[in-house]
Amino acid sequence: MSSINKPQPKAIRVQEEEAASAEASHVQAVYEDIAQHFSATRYKPWPVVERFLGSLPAGSLGADVGCGNGKYLGVRPDLVTLGSDRCKGLVQVCRERGFEAAIADNLELPYRPELFDFCLSIAVIHHFASEERRVAALVALLRLLRPGGKLLVFVWALEQKGKRNFSADEPDVLVPWVIPSSLKSLAKKEEGSQEDATEKVHQRYYHLFQQGELPRLTQQAFLACPGAFTLQEEGYDRDNWFVIVERQVERV
């Protein structure tokens, strides 16, 4: 496909009462359809995530919430990392690779509070279609941390330095994911189908975070959680904003 004809992101407006429905159509259903193709494009760990994982003591227990194909589950074999994802297809990829992964929603995680030494949320929070749900997702992650535990969150930035140009007036967008016709033809052949396998475009919902927005929402989430938290680091990397949070150890 030429760059001229390549599908481009388009703005979308989602009302609060429509958020869950938008996520079901433009996040959950899409990832189920593209799981295998998506997994094939996700293999190289990002440097900041590697640095974060490299700073943890051996034997630490962690959760990778929205783990995708398990790209980060094997970076540190001496850590115990449990993966979870809303997408059944991606969880199956994790299991086939020998990782521990469960099907779970970020807003309804199957873990008890204060269980983990660390948590990862890499490219997940931007898929929630309202600010209220984005804060709720952060609260769910913070509650998993035991005192001294750390959380790393990455989200797409509106201020991207790559090929995409986004408007601050339209931070909610549908970003196309194109499955090449050659891959669809192969899949149809394996299924024994004679149906025409033309190129298919899936539209994924993203909320693009502006500078300062992720720390602001993180601070809001602090107020909804027991315990005290510190925003240790915030930064920009590879067209993403990130924060690192630590739950403070209570002094007796």
Protein backbone atom coordinates (compact mmCIF):
# COMPACT_ATOMS: atom_id res chain seq x y z
CA MET A 1 0.00 0.00 0.00
CA SER A 2 1.44 3.39 -0.96
CA SER A 3 1.80 6.14 1.63
CA ILE A 4 -0.72 8.18 -0.39
CA ASN A 5 -3.45 5.55 0.01
CA LYS A 6 -2.48 4.45 3.50
CA PRO A 7 -5.38 4.80 5.98
CA GLN A 8 -4.91 7.72 8.36
CA PRO A 9 -6.04 8.24 11.97
CA LYS A 10 -9.32 10.08 12.36
CA ALA A 11 -10.80 11.97 15.28
CA ILE A 12 -13.67 10.53 17.30
CA ARG A 13 -15.77 11.95 20.12
CA VAL A 14 -16.89 9.54 22.83
CA GLN A 15 -19.42 10.48 25.50
CA GLU A 16 -18.91 9.13 29.03
CA GLU A 17 -21.89 6.79 28.73
CA GLU A 18 -20.51 5.43 25.43
CA ALA A 19 -16.98 4.71 26.71
CA ALA A 20 -17.37 1.01 27.53
CA SER A 21 -19.15 0.37 24.24
CA ALA A 22 -16.45 2.18 22.27
CA GLU A 23 -13.77 0.08 23.98
CA ALA A 24 -15.66 -3.13 23.19
CA SER A 25 -15.90 -2.22 19.49
CA HIS A 26 -12.63 -0.40 18.88
CA VAL A 27 -10.25 -2.07 21.35
CA GLN A 28 -11.36 -5.49 22.56
CA ALA A 29 -12.91 -6.77 19.31
CA VAL A 30 -10.08 -5.34 17.23
CA TYR A 31 -7.31 -7.00 19.23
CA GLU A 32 -9.08 -10.36 19.04
CA ASP A 33 -9.09 -10.01 15.24
CA ILE A 34 -5.49 -8.82 14.89
CA ALA A 35 -3.86 -10.81 17.72
CA GLN A 36 -1.57 -12.97 15.58
CA HIS A 37 -0.47 -10.16 13.26
CA PHE A 38 -0.04 -7.76 16.21
CA SER A 39 2.05 -10.30 18.11
CA ALA A 40 4.39 -10.72 15.15
CA THR A 41 5.23 -7.00 15.31
CA ARG A 42 5.95 -6.90 19.06
CA TYR A 43 9.32 -8.41 19.94
CA LYS A 44 11.85 -5.73 20.98
CA PRO A 45 11.65 -4.38 24.57
CA TRP A 46 11.73 -0.60 25.01
CA PRO A 47 14.84 0.76 26.81
CA VAL A 48 12.99 2.49 29.67
CA VAL A 49 11.05 -0.70 30.43
CA GLU A 50 14.25 -2.74 30.35
CA ARG A 51 15.90 -0.24 32.70
CA PHE A 52 12.94 -0.42 35.08
CA LEU A 53 12.96 -4.22 35.11
CA GLY A 54 16.73 -4.27 35.46
CA SER A 55 16.51 -2.20 38.65
CA LEU A 56 14.39 -4.78 40.49
CA PRO A 57 15.81 -7.30 42.97
CA ALA A 58 15.90 -10.93 41.86
CA GLY A 59 12.84 -12.86 42.97
CA SER A 60 10.52 -9.85 42.85
CA LEU A 61 6.86 -10.66 42.16
CA GLY A 62 5.21 -8.55 39.49
CA ALA A 63 2.15 -8.09 37.29
CA ASP A 64 2.23 -7.07 33.64
CA VAL A 65 -1.32 -5.79 33.13
CA GLY A 66 -2.12 -5.66 29.43
CA CYS A 67 0.86 -7.89 28.68
CA GLY A 68 0.02 -8.44 25.01
CA ASN A 69 2.13 -11.25 23.56
CA GLY A 70 4.34 -11.39 26.66
CA LYS A 71 7.18 -9.30 25.27
CA TYR A 72 8.26 -8.26 28.77
CA LEU A 73 7.45 -11.47 30.65
CA GLY A 74 10.79 -13.05 29.79
CA VAL A 75 13.11 -10.04 29.98
CA ARG A 76 14.18 -10.98 33.53
CA PRO A 77 13.88 -14.75 34.06
CA ASP A 78 14.87 -14.25 37.71
CA LEU A 79 11.67 -12.26 38.34
CA VAL A 80 8.26 -13.85 38.85
CA THR A 81 5.94 -11.97 36.51
CA LEU A 82 2.26 -12.76 35.99
CA GLY A 83 0.75 -11.49 32.76
CA SER A 84 -2.85 -10.56 32.08
CA ASP A 85 -4.66 -9.21 29.05
CA ARG A 86 -8.23 -8.64 27.91
CA CYS A 87 -7.44 -10.33 24.57
CA LYS A 88 -7.84 -14.11 24.56
CA GLY A 89 -5.71 -14.46 21.44
CA LEU A 90 -2.74 -12.65 22.97
CA VAL A 91 -3.02 -14.57 26.25
CA GLN A 92 -2.89 -17.77 24.21
CA VAL A 93 0.32 -16.54 22.55
CA CYS A 94 1.81 -15.96 26.03
CA ARG A 95 0.88 -19.45 27.17
CA GLU A 96 2.33 -21.01 24.03
CA ARG A 97 5.59 -19.22 24.86
CA GLY A 98 5.59 -20.75 28.34
CA PHE A 99 4.54 -17.66 30.30
CA GLU A 100 1.96 -17.38 33.08
CA ALA A 101 -0.90 -15.27 31.73
CA ALA A 102 -4.60 -14.87 32.48
CA ILE A 103 -7.52 -13.27 30.68
CA ALA A 104 -8.49 -10.25 32.78
CA ASP A 105 -9.76 -6.70 32.45
CA ASN A 106 -7.65 -3.88 33.91
CA LEU A 107 -10.74 -2.65 35.78
CA GLU A 108 -11.48 -6.08 37.30
CA LEU A 109 -8.12 -7.63 38.11
CA PRO A 110 -8.12 -11.03 39.86
CA TYR A 111 -5.38 -10.18 42.37
CA ARG A 112 -5.60 -9.25 46.03
CA PRO A 113 -4.43 -5.77 47.07
CA GLU A 114 -0.79 -5.15 48.00
CA LEU A 115 0.38 -8.38 46.38
CA PHE A 116 3.10 -7.22 43.99
CA ASP A 117 6.58 -5.75 44.19
CA PHE A 118 6.15 -4.16 40.77
CA CYS A 119 3.56 -3.61 38.05
CA LEU A 120 3.79 -2.78 34.36
CA SER A 121 1.16 -0.99 32.27
CA ILE A 122 2.68 -0.57 28.82
CA ALA A 123 0.46 1.00 26.14
CA VAL A 124 -2.80 0.17 27.90
CA ILE A 125 -4.33 3.18 29.68
CA HIS A 126 -4.70 5.13 26.42
CA HIS A 127 -7.28 2.55 25.27
CA PHE A 128 -9.79 3.61 27.95
CA ALA A 129 -12.32 5.95 26.38
CA SER A 130 -13.03 8.39 29.23
CA GLU A 131 -10.97 10.17 31.85
CA GLU A 132 -12.97 8.54 34.63
CA ARG A 133 -12.12 5.08 33.31
CA ARG A 134 -8.46 6.00 32.79
CA VAL A 135 -8.18 7.10 36.43
CA ALA A 136 -10.02 3.95 37.56
CA ALA A 137 -7.52 1.82 35.63
CA LEU A 138 -4.63 3.59 37.37
CA VAL A 139 -6.29 3.10 40.76
CA ALA A 140 -6.62 -0.64 40.06
CA LEU A 141 -2.88 -0.81 39.35
CA LEU A 142 -1.82 1.21 42.39
CA ARG A 143 -3.84 -1.02 44.70
CA LEU A 144 -1.75 -4.01 43.62
CA LEU A 145 1.48 -2.53 45.01
CA ARG A 146 2.80 -3.56 48.39
CA PRO A 147 4.72 -0.89 50.36
CA GLY A 148 7.94 -0.23 48.48
CA GLY A 149 6.42 -1.55 45.24
CA LYS A 150 6.81 0.30 41.95
CA LEU A 151 4.58 0.89 38.92
CA LEU A 152 5.65 1.85 35.39
CA VAL A 153 2.99 3.27 33.04
CA PHE A 154 3.44 4.10 29.34
CA VAL A 155 0.82 5.85 27.17
CA TRP A 156 0.80 7.29 23.67
CA ALA A 157 1.76 10.96 23.47
CA LEU A 158 -0.11 13.55 21.46
CA GLU A 159 3.24 15.28 20.91
CA GLN A 160 4.73 12.62 18.65
CA LYS A 161 8.03 13.17 16.88
CA GLY A 162 7.48 10.49 14.24
CA LYS A 163 5.36 10.53 11.11
CA ARG A 164 2.02 11.09 12.85
CA ASN A 165 0.73 14.60 13.51
CA PHE A 166 -2.16 14.98 15.94
CA SER A 167 -4.24 17.97 17.04
CA ALA A 168 -4.53 19.03 20.67
CA ASP A 169 -8.19 19.80 19.96
CA GLU A 170 -8.84 16.17 18.98
CA PRO A 171 -7.00 13.90 21.44
CA ASP A 172 -9.35 10.94 20.88
CA VAL A 173 -8.67 9.12 17.64
CA LEU A 174 -9.21 5.90 15.72
CA VAL A 175 -5.87 4.59 14.51
CA PRO A 176 -5.97 2.09 11.62
CA TRP A 177 -4.36 -1.33 11.81
CA VAL A 178 -4.03 -2.92 8.39
CA ILE A 179 -3.80 -6.68 7.95
CA PRO A 180 -2.13 -7.29 4.57
CA SER A 181 -4.19 -9.23 2.05
CA SER A 182 -1.42 -11.85 1.81
CA LEU A 183 -1.82 -12.74 5.49
CA LYS A 184 -5.61 -12.83 5.22
CA SER A 185 -5.35 -15.10 2.17
CA LEU A 186 -3.11 -17.50 4.11
CA ALA A 187 -5.51 -17.52 7.06
CA LYS A 188 -8.48 -18.21 4.78
CA LYS A 189 -6.61 -21.06 3.12
CA GLU A 190 -5.79 -22.62 6.50
CA GLU A 191 -9.46 -22.34 7.48
CA GLY A 192 -10.51 -24.01 4.23
CA SER A 193 -12.52 -20.94 3.20
CA GLN A 194 -12.92 -19.76 -0.38
CA GLU A 195 -14.04 -16.29 0.72
CA ASP A 196 -12.22 -13.41 -0.93
CA ALA A 197 -9.46 -12.25 1.43
CA THR A 198 -8.99 -8.58 0.63
CA GLU A 199 -6.95 -6.25 2.78
CA LYS A 200 -8.78 -5.38 6.00
CA VAL A 201 -8.47 -2.22 8.08
CA HIS A 202 -9.29 -2.27 11.80
CA GLN A 203 -9.81 0.96 13.76
CA ARG A 204 -8.28 1.05 17.25
CA TYR A 205 -9.34 3.69 19.78
CA TYR A 206 -6.62 5.79 21.43
CA HIS A 207 -6.68 8.72 23.81
CA LEU A 208 -3.54 10.75 23.10
CA PHE A 209 -2.01 12.14 26.29
CA GLN A 210 -0.70 15.69 26.34
CA GLN A 211 2.35 16.67 28.35
CA GLY A 212 1.50 16.71 32.06
CA GLU A 213 -1.75 14.78 31.66
CA LEU A 214 -0.49 11.38 32.80
CA PRO A 215 1.10 12.78 36.01
CA ARG A 216 -2.12 14.69 36.71
CA LEU A 217 -4.30 11.60 36.39
CA THR A 218 -1.79 9.60 38.43
CA GLN A 219 -2.04 12.15 41.24
CA GLN A 220 -5.83 11.86 41.09
CA ALA A 221 -5.50 8.10 41.42
CA PHE A 222 -3.29 8.54 44.50
CA LEU A 223 -6.24 10.20 46.27
CA ALA A 224 -8.48 7.18 45.66
CA CYS A 225 -6.04 4.62 47.09
CA PRO A 226 -5.09 3.71 50.64
CA GLY A 227 -1.47 4.33 51.50
CA ALA A 228 0.92 6.99 50.24
CA PHE A 229 2.59 7.15 46.84
CA THR A 230 5.46 9.06 45.27
CA LEU A 231 5.75 10.03 41.62
CA GLN A 232 9.40 9.10 41.19
CA GLU A 233 9.93 9.87 37.53
CA GLU A 234 8.09 11.15 34.48
CA GLY A 235 9.38 11.39 30.95
CA TYR A 236 8.99 10.98 27.21
CA ASP A 237 10.28 8.06 25.17
CA ARG A 238 9.47 6.76 21.68
CA ASP A 239 6.36 8.92 21.20
CA ASN A 240 5.07 7.95 24.65
CA TRP A 241 4.76 9.61 28.04
CA PHE A 242 5.65 7.51 31.06
CA VAL A 243 5.61 7.69 34.85
CA ILE A 244 7.24 5.60 37.56
CA VAL A 245 5.41 5.48 40.89
CA GLU A 246 6.49 4.01 44.23
CA ARG A 247 4.23 3.11 47.13
CA GLN A 248 5.81 4.48 50.27
CA VAL A 249 6.75 2.23 53.16
CA GLU A 250 4.75 3.20 56.22
CA ARG A 251 6.88 4.30 59.15
CA VAL A 252 5.93 2.94 62.55
